[in-house]
Amino acid sequence: MASKGGPIALGTDGTDFAHRQRIAAQYQISAINKSRLKYCIFFHYLLFFAMLAKLSADILDRLDIFILEIEELQIPEPLWWEYAWCASLLLSFLGLAAARRNQVGTMQRYMAGIVVFGFCPVLYAAARYFPDLWAYVSDDDDAEEVFIWQGYPYALLWYAFIIVALQVHFFSLYFAWNLVVAWKARGSKKAN
């Protein structure tokens, strides 16, 4: 090999085959978006653990486990959307499996599941808590009726979660879509 100091063919400097070192665009796109999707799923896990901390009082009550420190926090009762959103974590395993095996159909199911169990509950929560948030932010007369938990407006705390969750789900869908497009492009060129 020319790069190892071995014999070099006459009339060449050893770099004439450098064009063969290029990686096809769809494989580069696939590798980049797989990595980014994994980061999004990691942030989804972090959000899940935050939600699990919020749901811990209800879960422990259902299991008849009493922990005084958690009961003293007086965590508000969970709504249905919180448990529905937690189901979206199971879809992350589907997305990771699809990324590992380059499966278009499985990735499309992951995307549909994120829309149903990720976006829909979070959008419901945004609509549910918006009146309280607006009353708190605009200093209306209704601001006295805003629910305060641990010294913070409950709606504002939820909106912090909602904004991050929407970003994580949006980018997860975006990277999953890019993977599907790249994988389909690879398959169409193979068929030609």
Protein backbone atom coordinates (compact mmCIF):
# COMPACT_ATOMS: atom_id res chain seq x y z
CA MET A 1 0.00 0.00 0.00
CA ALA A 2 1.24 3.45 -0.86
CA SER A 3 0.27 4.91 2.48
CA LYS A 4 2.33 2.33 4.36
CA GLY A 5 5.55 3.20 2.57
CA GLY A 6 5.38 0.24 0.22
CA PRO A 7 6.00 0.28 -3.53
CA ILE A 8 4.03 2.83 -5.54
CA ALA A 9 2.90 2.25 -9.11
CA LEU A 10 4.63 4.46 -11.66
CA GLY A 11 2.70 7.61 -12.60
CA THR A 12 0.63 7.80 -9.43
CA ASP A 13 1.01 9.21 -5.96
CA GLY A 14 -1.26 6.58 -4.37
CA THR A 15 -4.31 8.82 -3.96
CA ASP A 16 -6.03 7.99 -7.26
CA PHE A 17 -8.45 5.66 -5.48
CA ALA A 18 -9.54 8.24 -2.89
CA HIS A 19 -12.90 8.58 -4.64
CA ARG A 20 -13.77 5.08 -3.47
CA GLN A 21 -13.59 6.22 0.14
CA ARG A 22 -16.76 8.30 -0.16
CA ILE A 23 -19.89 7.17 1.63
CA ALA A 24 -23.20 7.42 -0.19
CA ALA A 25 -25.40 10.31 0.98
CA GLN A 26 -28.27 8.13 2.21
CA TYR A 27 -25.90 6.23 4.51
CA GLN A 28 -24.50 9.47 5.93
CA ILE A 29 -28.03 10.78 6.48
CA SER A 30 -29.02 7.52 8.09
CA ALA A 31 -26.05 7.51 10.48
CA ILE A 32 -26.53 11.14 11.53
CA ASN A 33 -30.27 10.82 12.06
CA LYS A 34 -29.93 7.55 13.98
CA SER A 35 -27.60 9.28 16.40
CA ARG A 36 -29.89 12.28 16.76
CA LEU A 37 -32.94 10.07 17.24
CA LYS A 38 -31.14 8.25 20.05
CA TYR A 39 -30.48 11.59 21.76
CA CYS A 40 -34.16 12.48 21.45
CA ILE A 41 -35.15 9.14 22.94
CA PHE A 42 -32.69 9.75 25.78
CA PHE A 43 -34.39 13.09 26.53
CA HIS A 44 -37.74 11.29 26.30
CA TYR A 45 -36.50 8.98 29.07
CA LEU A 46 -35.52 11.98 31.20
CA LEU A 47 -38.99 13.47 30.73
CA PHE A 48 -40.51 10.09 31.63
CA PHE A 49 -38.61 10.01 34.91
CA ALA A 50 -39.82 13.53 35.70
CA MET A 51 -43.40 12.40 34.99
CA LEU A 52 -42.84 9.24 37.02
CA ALA A 53 -41.77 11.39 39.98
CA LYS A 54 -45.02 13.34 39.62
CA LEU A 55 -47.07 10.13 39.38
CA SER A 56 -45.23 8.41 42.24
CA ALA A 57 -47.75 9.49 44.88
CA ASP A 58 -50.67 8.05 42.90
CA ILE A 59 -48.80 4.85 42.03
CA LEU A 60 -47.83 4.29 45.66
CA ASP A 61 -51.42 4.96 46.77
CA ARG A 62 -52.68 2.35 44.31
CA LEU A 63 -50.15 -0.12 45.70
CA ASP A 64 -51.17 0.75 49.29
CA ILE A 65 -47.67 1.93 50.13
CA PHE A 66 -47.46 4.90 52.47
CA ILE A 67 -44.37 7.11 52.47
CA LEU A 68 -44.81 10.15 54.66
CA GLU A 69 -42.36 12.38 52.79
CA ILE A 70 -44.19 11.89 49.50
CA GLU A 71 -47.61 12.35 51.11
CA GLU A 72 -46.47 15.63 52.68
CA LEU A 73 -45.76 17.05 49.21
CA GLN A 74 -49.51 16.96 48.49
CA ILE A 75 -48.95 16.20 44.83
CA PRO A 76 -52.16 16.85 42.86
CA GLU A 77 -54.09 13.88 41.51
CA PRO A 78 -52.94 12.85 38.02
CA LEU A 79 -55.14 13.22 34.97
CA TRP A 80 -55.64 10.59 32.26
CA TRP A 81 -53.28 12.34 29.83
CA GLU A 82 -50.33 11.85 32.18
CA TYR A 83 -50.65 8.06 32.07
CA ALA A 84 -51.36 8.13 28.34
CA TRP A 85 -48.18 10.13 27.78
CA CYS A 86 -46.20 7.61 29.85
CA ALA A 87 -47.26 4.93 27.36
CA SER A 88 -45.22 6.79 24.74
CA LEU A 89 -42.06 5.57 26.47
CA LEU A 90 -42.80 2.03 25.30
CA LEU A 91 -42.65 3.31 21.74
CA SER A 92 -39.02 4.30 22.23
CA PHE A 93 -38.09 0.62 22.22
CA LEU A 94 -39.87 0.30 18.88
CA GLY A 95 -37.96 3.29 17.49
CA LEU A 96 -34.61 2.00 18.71
CA ALA A 97 -35.26 -1.46 17.23
CA ALA A 98 -36.27 0.09 13.91
CA ALA A 99 -33.13 2.24 13.85
CA ARG A 100 -30.92 -0.74 14.65
CA ARG A 101 -32.37 -2.86 11.85
CA ASN A 102 -33.24 -0.11 9.30
CA GLN A 103 -36.90 -1.16 9.22
CA VAL A 104 -39.12 1.36 7.46
CA GLY A 105 -42.44 -0.12 8.59
CA THR A 106 -41.43 -0.30 12.24
CA MET A 107 -40.17 3.28 12.16
CA GLN A 108 -43.47 4.41 10.65
CA ARG A 109 -45.33 2.66 13.49
CA TYR A 110 -43.05 4.44 15.95
CA MET A 111 -43.89 7.77 14.32
CA ALA A 112 -47.64 7.08 14.44
CA GLY A 113 -47.38 6.05 18.09
CA ILE A 114 -45.50 9.23 19.00
CA VAL A 115 -48.25 11.29 17.39
CA VAL A 116 -50.99 9.41 19.27
CA PHE A 117 -49.32 8.87 22.66
CA GLY A 118 -46.81 11.73 22.63
CA PHE A 119 -48.30 14.72 20.87
CA CYS A 120 -52.01 14.23 21.55
CA PRO A 121 -51.77 14.02 25.38
CA VAL A 122 -49.33 16.92 25.51
CA LEU A 123 -51.51 19.07 23.27
CA TYR A 124 -54.50 18.20 25.45
CA ALA A 125 -52.52 19.31 28.51
CA ALA A 126 -51.56 22.56 26.77
CA ALA A 127 -55.23 23.31 26.10
CA ARG A 128 -56.24 22.20 29.62
CA TYR A 129 -53.76 24.42 31.47
CA PHE A 130 -53.79 27.42 29.10
CA PRO A 131 -56.59 29.36 30.88
CA ASP A 132 -54.74 29.14 34.21
CA LEU A 133 -51.46 30.11 32.59
CA TRP A 134 -53.07 33.06 30.82
CA ALA A 135 -54.75 34.23 34.01
CA TYR A 136 -51.43 34.08 35.87
CA VAL A 137 -49.37 35.77 33.15
CA SER A 138 -51.86 38.52 32.31
CA ASP A 139 -52.61 39.41 35.97
CA ASP A 140 -56.35 39.14 35.44
CA ASP A 141 -58.84 39.13 38.28
CA ASP A 142 -58.91 35.36 37.75
CA ALA A 143 -55.27 35.16 38.90
CA GLU A 144 -56.49 34.57 42.45
CA GLU A 145 -58.16 31.35 41.27
CA VAL A 146 -54.96 29.95 39.76
CA PHE A 147 -53.89 26.74 41.49
CA ILE A 148 -50.56 27.17 43.30
CA TRP A 149 -48.47 24.14 44.23
CA GLN A 150 -45.35 24.49 46.37
CA GLY A 151 -45.36 28.24 45.74
CA TYR A 152 -45.47 27.96 41.94
CA PRO A 153 -48.43 28.18 39.58
CA TYR A 154 -49.28 24.61 38.61
CA ALA A 155 -50.02 25.55 34.99
CA LEU A 156 -46.61 27.21 34.62
CA LEU A 157 -44.87 24.07 35.86
CA TRP A 158 -46.84 22.00 33.38
CA TYR A 159 -46.02 24.37 30.54
CA ALA A 160 -42.31 23.94 31.25
CA PHE A 161 -42.82 20.20 30.79
CA ILE A 162 -45.10 20.67 27.74
CA ILE A 163 -42.65 22.88 25.86
CA VAL A 164 -39.76 20.46 26.34
CA ALA A 165 -41.94 17.43 25.51
CA LEU A 166 -43.22 19.05 22.30
CA GLN A 167 -39.66 19.77 21.20
CA VAL A 168 -38.49 16.24 21.96
CA HIS A 169 -41.43 14.69 20.11
CA PHE A 170 -41.14 17.05 17.16
CA PHE A 171 -37.44 16.34 16.70
CA SER A 172 -38.01 12.61 17.19
CA LEU A 173 -40.55 12.67 14.38
CA TYR A 174 -38.27 14.79 12.20
CA PHE A 175 -35.29 12.47 12.59
CA ALA A 176 -37.46 9.37 12.18
CA TRP A 177 -38.90 10.86 8.98
CA ASN A 178 -35.39 11.54 7.66
CA LEU A 179 -34.47 7.93 8.40
CA VAL A 180 -37.50 6.61 6.55
CA VAL A 181 -36.69 8.79 3.53
CA ALA A 182 -33.04 7.69 3.55
CA TRP A 183 -33.94 4.02 3.89
CA LYS A 184 -36.48 4.24 1.08
CA ALA A 185 -33.91 5.97 -1.15
CA ARG A 186 -31.46 3.15 -0.50
CA GLY A 187 -34.09 0.58 -1.40
CA SER A 188 -35.14 2.35 -4.61
CA LYS A 189 -31.57 2.57 -5.91
CA LYS A 190 -31.05 -1.10 -5.09
CA ALA A 191 -34.09 -2.02 -7.19
CA ASN A 192 -32.77 -0.15 -10.27
